[in-house]
């Protein structure tokens, strides 16, 4: 495979990571904040859902920027996977442990 094709595939992989992976991480962060804020700070559920949704826009933008700042597409995907796994674990603990509002 030539260097030009390899570069284009790396950029395409980063674009997919920024779009799909960033969306996944942002959606998980919205859910974690919506469940975690009432449990941690005694916030109203409606306010926590709104705060989580608004914060997810920032998370999505930062994730997309980080994907293109990472040294390689492999590191970008790995970073998104780690962030998603940690947030998924928190979400699972709050929903299964009865600590959330779900």
C-alpha atoms as a PDB file:
ATOM      1  CA  UNK A   1       0.000   0.000   0.000  1.00  0.00           C
ATOM      2  CA  UNK A   2       1.435   3.387  -0.937  1.00  0.00           C
ATOM      3  CA  UNK A   3       2.077   6.158   1.570  1.00  0.00           C
ATOM      4  CA  UNK A   4      -0.699   8.299   0.069  1.00  0.00           C
ATOM      5  CA  UNK A   5      -3.318   5.588   0.453  1.00  0.00           C
ATOM      6  CA  UNK A   6      -2.153   4.829   3.979  1.00  0.00           C
ATOM      7  CA  UNK A   7      -2.422   8.526   4.901  1.00  0.00           C
ATOM      8  CA  UNK A   8      -5.926   8.777   3.437  1.00  0.00           C
ATOM      9  CA  UNK A   9      -7.044   5.668   5.317  1.00  0.00           C
ATOM     10  CA  UNK A  10      -5.659   7.129   8.544  1.00  0.00           C
ATOM     11  CA  UNK A  11      -7.567  10.377   8.002  1.00  0.00           C
ATOM     12  CA  UNK A  12     -10.732   8.447   7.135  1.00  0.00           C
ATOM     13  CA  UNK A  13     -10.350   6.340  10.277  1.00  0.00           C
ATOM     14  CA  UNK A  14      -9.922   9.470  12.378  1.00  0.00           C
ATOM     15  CA  UNK A  15     -12.990  11.043  10.779  1.00  0.00           C
ATOM     16  CA  UNK A  16     -15.091   7.992  11.618  1.00  0.00           C
ATOM     17  CA  UNK A  17     -13.638   7.987  15.136  1.00  0.00           C
ATOM     18  CA  UNK A  18     -14.467  11.675  15.575  1.00  0.00           C
ATOM     19  CA  UNK A  19     -18.006  11.319  14.261  1.00  0.00           C
ATOM     20  CA  UNK A  20     -19.110   7.937  15.606  1.00  0.00           C
ATOM     21  CA  UNK A  21     -16.774   7.529  18.563  1.00  0.00           C
ATOM     22  CA  UNK A  22     -17.221  11.124  19.669  1.00  0.00           C
ATOM     23  CA  UNK A  23     -20.978  10.718  19.517  1.00  0.00           C
ATOM     24  CA  UNK A  24     -20.822   7.539  21.585  1.00  0.00           C
ATOM     25  CA  UNK A  25     -18.639   9.099  24.256  1.00  0.00           C
ATOM     26  CA  UNK A  26     -20.837  12.214  24.339  1.00  0.00           C
ATOM     27  CA  UNK A  27     -24.025  10.159  24.668  1.00  0.00           C
ATOM     28  CA  UNK A  28     -22.531   8.111  27.491  1.00  0.00           C
ATOM     29  CA  UNK A  29     -21.354  11.253  29.269  1.00  0.00           C
ATOM     30  CA  UNK A  30     -24.851  12.745  29.030  1.00  0.00           C
ATOM     31  CA  UNK A  31     -26.331   9.613  30.575  1.00  0.00           C
ATOM     32  CA  UNK A  32     -23.698   9.406  33.310  1.00  0.00           C
ATOM     33  CA  UNK A  33     -24.179  13.055  34.235  1.00  0.00           C
ATOM     34  CA  UNK A  34     -27.968  12.768  34.148  1.00  0.00           C
ATOM     35  CA  UNK A  35     -27.806   9.883  36.623  1.00  0.00           C
ATOM     36  CA  UNK A  36     -24.790  11.003  38.619  1.00  0.00           C
ATOM     37  CA  UNK A  37     -25.598  14.633  39.348  1.00  0.00           C
ATOM     38  CA  UNK A  38     -28.780  13.900  41.335  1.00  0.00           C
ATOM     39  CA  UNK A  39     -27.002  11.148  43.253  1.00  0.00           C
ATOM     40  CA  UNK A  40     -23.904  13.196  44.053  1.00  0.00           C
ATOM     41  CA  UNK A  41     -25.173  16.754  44.394  1.00  0.00           C
ATOM     42  CA  UNK A  42     -28.869  16.329  45.196  1.00  0.00           C
ATOM     43  CA  UNK A  43     -29.818  18.092  41.968  1.00  0.00           C
ATOM     44  CA  UNK A  44     -33.279  17.840  40.446  1.00  0.00           C
ATOM     45  CA  UNK A  45     -33.495  15.126  37.792  1.00  0.00           C
ATOM     46  CA  UNK A  46     -34.719  17.531  35.114  1.00  0.00           C
ATOM     47  CA  UNK A  47     -31.841  19.933  35.770  1.00  0.00           C
ATOM     48  CA  UNK A  48     -29.354  17.059  35.764  1.00  0.00           C
ATOM     49  CA  UNK A  49     -30.660  15.825  32.416  1.00  0.00           C
ATOM     50  CA  UNK A  50     -30.369  19.305  30.926  1.00  0.00           C
ATOM     51  CA  UNK A  51     -26.884  19.802  32.383  1.00  0.00           C
ATOM     52  CA  UNK A  52     -25.753  16.413  31.086  1.00  0.00           C
ATOM     53  CA  UNK A  53     -27.097  17.134  27.620  1.00  0.00           C
ATOM     54  CA  UNK A  54     -25.443  20.559  27.458  1.00  0.00           C
ATOM     55  CA  UNK A  55     -22.148  19.163  28.749  1.00  0.00           C
ATOM     56  CA  UNK A  56     -22.257  16.419  26.121  1.00  0.00           C
ATOM     57  CA  UNK A  57     -21.836  19.041  23.384  1.00  0.00           C
ATOM     58  CA  UNK A  58     -18.544  20.066  24.970  1.00  0.00           C
ATOM     59  CA  UNK A  59     -17.502  16.425  25.373  1.00  0.00           C
ATOM     60  CA  UNK A  60     -18.251  15.765  21.688  1.00  0.00           C
ATOM     61  CA  UNK A  61     -16.216  18.769  20.552  1.00  0.00           C
ATOM     62  CA  UNK A  62     -13.262  17.855  22.771  1.00  0.00           C
ATOM     63  CA  UNK A  63     -13.380  14.219  21.650  1.00  0.00           C
ATOM     64  CA  UNK A  64     -13.363  15.239  17.980  1.00  0.00           C
ATOM     65  CA  UNK A  65     -10.432  17.592  18.525  1.00  0.00           C
ATOM     66  CA  UNK A  66      -8.532  14.982  20.501  1.00  0.00           C
ATOM     67  CA  UNK A  67      -8.991  12.373  17.774  1.00  0.00           C
ATOM     68  CA  UNK A  68      -7.174  14.574  15.293  1.00  0.00           C
ATOM     69  CA  UNK A  69      -4.521  15.606  17.835  1.00  0.00           C
ATOM     70  CA  UNK A  70      -3.607  12.005  18.724  1.00  0.00           C
ATOM     71  CA  UNK A  71      -0.361  10.617  17.316  1.00  0.00           C
ATOM     72  CA  UNK A  72      -2.084   7.861  15.383  1.00  0.00           C
ATOM     73  CA  UNK A  73      -5.538   6.652  14.488  1.00  0.00           C
ATOM     74  CA  UNK A  74      -4.905   3.607  16.674  1.00  0.00           C
ATOM     75  CA  UNK A  75      -4.336   5.836  19.734  1.00  0.00           C
ATOM     76  CA  UNK A  76      -7.430   7.860  18.894  1.00  0.00           C
ATOM     77  CA  UNK A  77      -9.623   4.749  18.776  1.00  0.00           C
ATOM     78  CA  UNK A  78      -8.001   3.371  21.941  1.00  0.00           C
ATOM     79  CA  UNK A  79      -8.586   6.608  23.835  1.00  0.00           C
ATOM     80  CA  UNK A  80     -12.228   6.721  22.794  1.00  0.00           C
ATOM     81  CA  UNK A  81     -12.685   3.069  23.751  1.00  0.00           C
ATOM     82  CA  UNK A  82     -11.180   3.655  27.198  1.00  0.00           C
ATOM     83  CA  UNK A  83     -13.353   6.732  27.792  1.00  0.00           C
ATOM     84  CA  UNK A  84     -16.460   4.843  26.655  1.00  0.00           C
ATOM     85  CA  UNK A  85     -15.610   1.809  28.798  1.00  0.00           C
ATOM     86  CA  UNK A  86     -15.129   3.915  31.927  1.00  0.00           C
ATOM     87  CA  UNK A  87     -18.364   5.799  31.376  1.00  0.00           C
ATOM     88  CA  UNK A  88     -20.208   2.606  30.525  1.00  0.00           C
ATOM     89  CA  UNK A  89     -18.965   1.056  33.751  1.00  0.00           C
ATOM     90  CA  UNK A  90     -20.173   4.061  35.754  1.00  0.00           C
ATOM     91  CA  UNK A  91     -23.516   3.920  33.997  1.00  0.00           C
ATOM     92  CA  UNK A  92     -23.829   0.210  34.684  1.00  0.00           C
ATOM     93  CA  UNK A  93     -22.947   0.657  38.351  1.00  0.00           C
ATOM     94  CA  UNK A  94     -25.483   3.442  38.810  1.00  0.00           C
ATOM     95  CA  UNK A  95     -28.311   1.628  37.020  1.00  0.00           C
ATOM     96  CA  UNK A  96     -27.664  -1.823  38.545  1.00  0.00           C
ATOM     97  CA  UNK A  97     -26.668  -0.601  41.988  1.00  0.00           C
ATOM     98  CA  UNK A  98     -29.771   1.491  42.502  1.00  0.00           C
ATOM     99  CA  UNK A  99     -27.701   4.643  42.896  1.00  0.00           C
ATOM    100  CA  UNK A 100     -29.218   6.388  39.898  1.00  0.00           C
ATOM    101  CA  UNK A 101     -32.605   7.747  39.084  1.00  0.00           C
ATOM    102  CA  UNK A 102     -33.318   5.140  36.422  1.00  0.00           C
END
